Amino acid sequence: MGQEDMVSSRGSRRASRGGGGDRDDRGWTMLHIGARRGDVKEVRRLLNEGVDVNVAAFGPKSHGITPLHLAAKGGHLKVMDALLECGANIDARTKGACGWTPLHTAAKERNRKAVKYLVENGAFLPDDINDARFNPPLHYCSGLEWAYEAMKLLQEENSSSGETSYSSES
């Protein structure tokens, strides 16, 4: 079998797995790997080839993790932007009891930039940190406190953008 035959068989495998392509032992596709590395050129190339932006990993330790989860974990804002531009689900949940979103992942890593980016771009964050819809609760992911700080700052910025601001210099 020549190299072109291997590429076409790989392409058919990609199609049969929902655009995910070959997977490693974690169940990650090349899109997962590119997102985790923060390789925006590779991510864009794969997306342009038609790889499913919401492809979920199915490995034993990667229960439903998406490329956006991995980009958020690493704080790769340009990759997150490329994924969202192509329709990534900002509130995608991992499989299992906890069902973590990319926001949970960024918060767990205490990645303030990624948390702020996700909140600014509409990630689900209820007004009450104890809201049962936002599983897992705070005690499972203490970094979520940062998400609430980011949300408060955004609300303050939005409410003061139309009002006169008072600085400490006056």
Protein backbone atom coordinates (compact mmCIF):
# COMPACT_ATOMS: atom_id res chain seq x y z
CA MET A 1 0.00 0.00 0.00
CA GLY A 2 1.47 3.36 -1.06
CA GLN A 3 1.48 6.54 0.95
CA GLU A 4 -1.54 7.91 -0.96
CA ASP A 5 -3.51 4.74 -0.13
CA MET A 6 -2.67 5.15 3.57
CA VAL A 7 -3.85 8.74 3.50
CA SER A 8 -7.13 7.80 1.86
CA SER A 9 -7.74 4.95 4.31
CA ARG A 10 -6.99 7.34 7.14
CA GLY A 11 -9.44 9.83 5.63
CA SER A 12 -12.18 7.21 5.50
CA ARG A 13 -11.51 6.33 9.12
CA ARG A 14 -11.79 10.02 9.97
CA ALA A 15 -15.17 10.15 8.28
CA SER A 16 -16.37 7.02 10.03
CA ARG A 17 -15.56 8.56 13.41
CA GLY A 18 -17.35 11.84 12.85
CA GLY A 19 -14.39 13.76 11.48
CA GLY A 20 -12.12 12.92 14.37
CA GLY A 21 -9.38 11.04 12.52
CA ASP A 22 -6.89 8.68 14.07
CA ARG A 23 -6.78 8.65 17.85
CA ASP A 24 -4.01 8.14 20.36
CA ASP A 25 -4.18 6.02 23.52
CA ARG A 26 -6.11 8.82 25.29
CA GLY A 27 -8.73 8.84 22.56
CA TRP A 28 -7.48 12.22 21.35
CA THR A 29 -7.55 13.24 17.68
CA MET A 30 -5.00 15.49 16.00
CA LEU A 31 -7.40 18.38 16.72
CA HIS A 32 -7.26 17.61 20.45
CA ILE A 33 -3.46 17.51 20.31
CA GLY A 34 -3.21 20.76 18.35
CA ALA A 35 -5.60 22.48 20.77
CA ARG A 36 -3.67 21.24 23.81
CA ARG A 37 -0.38 22.45 22.32
CA GLY A 38 -1.85 25.83 21.40
CA ASP A 39 -0.97 25.29 17.73
CA VAL A 40 -3.46 27.63 16.07
CA LYS A 41 -2.11 26.96 12.55
CA GLU A 42 -2.61 23.20 12.93
CA VAL A 43 -6.04 23.69 14.50
CA ARG A 44 -7.15 25.94 11.63
CA ARG A 45 -5.75 23.50 9.07
CA LEU A 46 -7.66 20.60 10.60
CA LEU A 47 -10.86 22.61 10.86
CA ASN A 48 -10.50 23.69 7.22
CA GLU A 49 -10.18 20.00 6.30
CA GLY A 50 -13.56 19.42 7.91
CA VAL A 51 -12.60 17.86 11.24
CA ASP A 52 -15.53 18.10 13.67
CA VAL A 53 -14.84 21.06 15.98
CA ASN A 54 -16.78 19.32 18.78
CA VAL A 55 -15.16 15.89 18.43
CA ALA A 56 -15.15 14.23 21.84
CA ALA A 57 -12.32 12.03 23.06
CA PHE A 58 -13.43 8.53 24.03
CA GLY A 59 -10.34 7.18 25.77
CA PRO A 60 -10.31 5.66 29.26
CA LYS A 61 -9.15 8.93 30.87
CA SER A 62 -10.74 11.37 28.43
CA HIS A 63 -14.47 10.90 28.81
CA GLY A 64 -15.90 13.30 26.27
CA ILE A 65 -13.24 16.01 26.49
CA THR A 66 -13.32 18.33 23.47
CA PRO A 67 -10.57 20.37 21.85
CA LEU A 68 -12.06 23.47 23.52
CA HIS A 69 -11.60 21.87 26.96
CA LEU A 70 -7.92 21.34 26.17
CA ALA A 71 -7.37 24.81 24.74
CA ALA A 72 -9.04 26.28 27.85
CA LYS A 73 -6.87 24.14 30.11
CA GLY A 74 -3.74 25.56 28.48
CA GLY A 75 -5.09 29.09 28.20
CA HIS A 76 -4.62 29.12 24.43
CA LEU A 77 -6.90 32.04 23.59
CA LYS A 78 -6.16 32.13 19.85
CA VAL A 79 -7.00 28.43 19.57
CA MET A 80 -10.14 28.95 21.64
CA ASP A 81 -11.11 31.77 19.30
CA ALA A 82 -10.57 29.59 16.20
CA LEU A 83 -12.62 26.77 17.71
CA LEU A 84 -15.50 29.07 18.69
CA GLU A 85 -15.46 30.71 15.24
CA CYS A 86 -16.05 27.25 13.77
CA GLY A 87 -18.95 26.45 16.09
CA ALA A 88 -17.36 24.83 19.14
CA ASN A 89 -19.85 24.33 21.96
CA ILE A 90 -18.63 26.69 24.69
CA ASP A 91 -20.62 24.69 27.26
CA ALA A 92 -19.65 21.18 26.08
CA ARG A 93 -19.68 18.76 29.00
CA THR A 94 -17.46 15.79 29.64
CA LYS A 95 -19.16 12.45 30.25
CA GLY A 96 -19.76 11.11 33.74
CA ALA A 97 -21.12 12.43 36.99
CA CYS A 98 -19.38 15.81 37.00
CA GLY A 99 -19.85 16.93 33.42
CA TRP A 100 -17.12 19.57 33.33
CA THR A 101 -17.29 22.40 30.80
CA PRO A 102 -14.29 24.23 29.32
CA LEU A 103 -14.94 26.91 31.98
CA HIS A 104 -14.54 24.31 34.74
CA THR A 105 -11.31 23.14 33.14
CA ALA A 106 -9.87 26.65 32.88
CA ALA A 107 -10.94 27.40 36.46
CA LYS A 108 -9.38 24.19 37.79
CA GLU A 109 -6.10 25.24 36.18
CA ARG A 110 -6.55 28.72 37.68
CA ASN A 111 -6.08 30.20 34.24
CA ARG A 112 -7.54 33.68 34.66
CA LYS A 113 -7.18 34.67 30.99
CA ALA A 114 -9.06 31.60 29.79
CA VAL A 115 -11.76 32.02 32.46
CA LYS A 116 -12.27 35.67 31.51
CA TYR A 117 -12.32 34.80 27.80
CA LEU A 118 -14.94 32.08 28.28
CA VAL A 119 -17.14 34.28 30.48
CA GLU A 120 -16.88 37.17 27.99
CA ASN A 121 -17.87 34.82 25.18
CA GLY A 122 -21.00 33.52 26.88
CA ALA A 123 -20.00 30.42 28.85
CA PHE A 124 -22.79 29.40 31.20
CA LEU A 125 -22.21 30.79 34.67
CA PRO A 126 -25.30 31.10 36.87
CA ASP A 127 -25.73 34.07 39.18
CA ASP A 128 -25.55 31.76 42.21
CA ILE A 129 -22.37 29.71 42.52
CA ASN A 130 -24.38 26.98 44.26
CA ASP A 131 -26.83 26.64 41.36
CA ALA A 132 -27.25 22.88 40.78
CA ARG A 133 -27.28 23.39 36.98
CA PHE A 134 -23.60 24.30 37.15
CA ASN A 135 -22.33 20.93 38.21
CA PRO A 136 -19.81 20.35 39.72
CA PRO A 137 -20.33 22.64 42.66
CA LEU A 138 -17.65 24.92 44.01
CA HIS A 139 -16.14 22.40 46.42
CA TYR A 140 -15.18 20.20 43.44
CA CYS A 141 -13.55 23.06 41.56
CA SER A 142 -12.38 25.84 43.82
CA GLY A 143 -10.99 27.73 40.82
CA LEU A 144 -14.56 28.61 39.90
CA GLU A 145 -14.30 31.47 42.36
CA TRP A 146 -12.13 33.14 39.72
CA ALA A 147 -14.91 32.75 37.16
CA TYR A 148 -17.26 34.62 39.49
CA GLU A 149 -14.68 37.35 40.04
CA ALA A 150 -14.34 37.72 36.25
CA MET A 151 -18.12 37.83 35.85
CA LYS A 152 -18.45 40.54 38.53
CA LEU A 153 -15.73 42.63 36.85
CA LEU A 154 -17.48 42.30 33.49
CA GLN A 155 -20.80 43.32 35.00
CA GLU A 156 -19.16 46.33 36.64
CA GLU A 157 -17.44 47.30 33.38
CA ASN A 158 -20.69 46.96 31.44
CA SER A 159 -22.71 48.97 33.94
CA SER A 160 -20.11 51.72 34.20
CA SER A 161 -19.46 51.97 30.46
CA GLY A 162 -22.61 54.07 30.03
CA GLU A 163 -22.08 56.10 33.19
CA THR A 164 -19.57 58.71 34.22
CA SER A 165 -16.65 57.04 35.84
CA TYR A 166 -15.15 58.45 38.99
CA SER A 167 -11.45 57.90 39.39
CA SER A 168 -9.37 58.24 42.51
CA GLU A 169 -7.41 61.00 40.78
CA SER A 170 -10.19 63.62 41.08
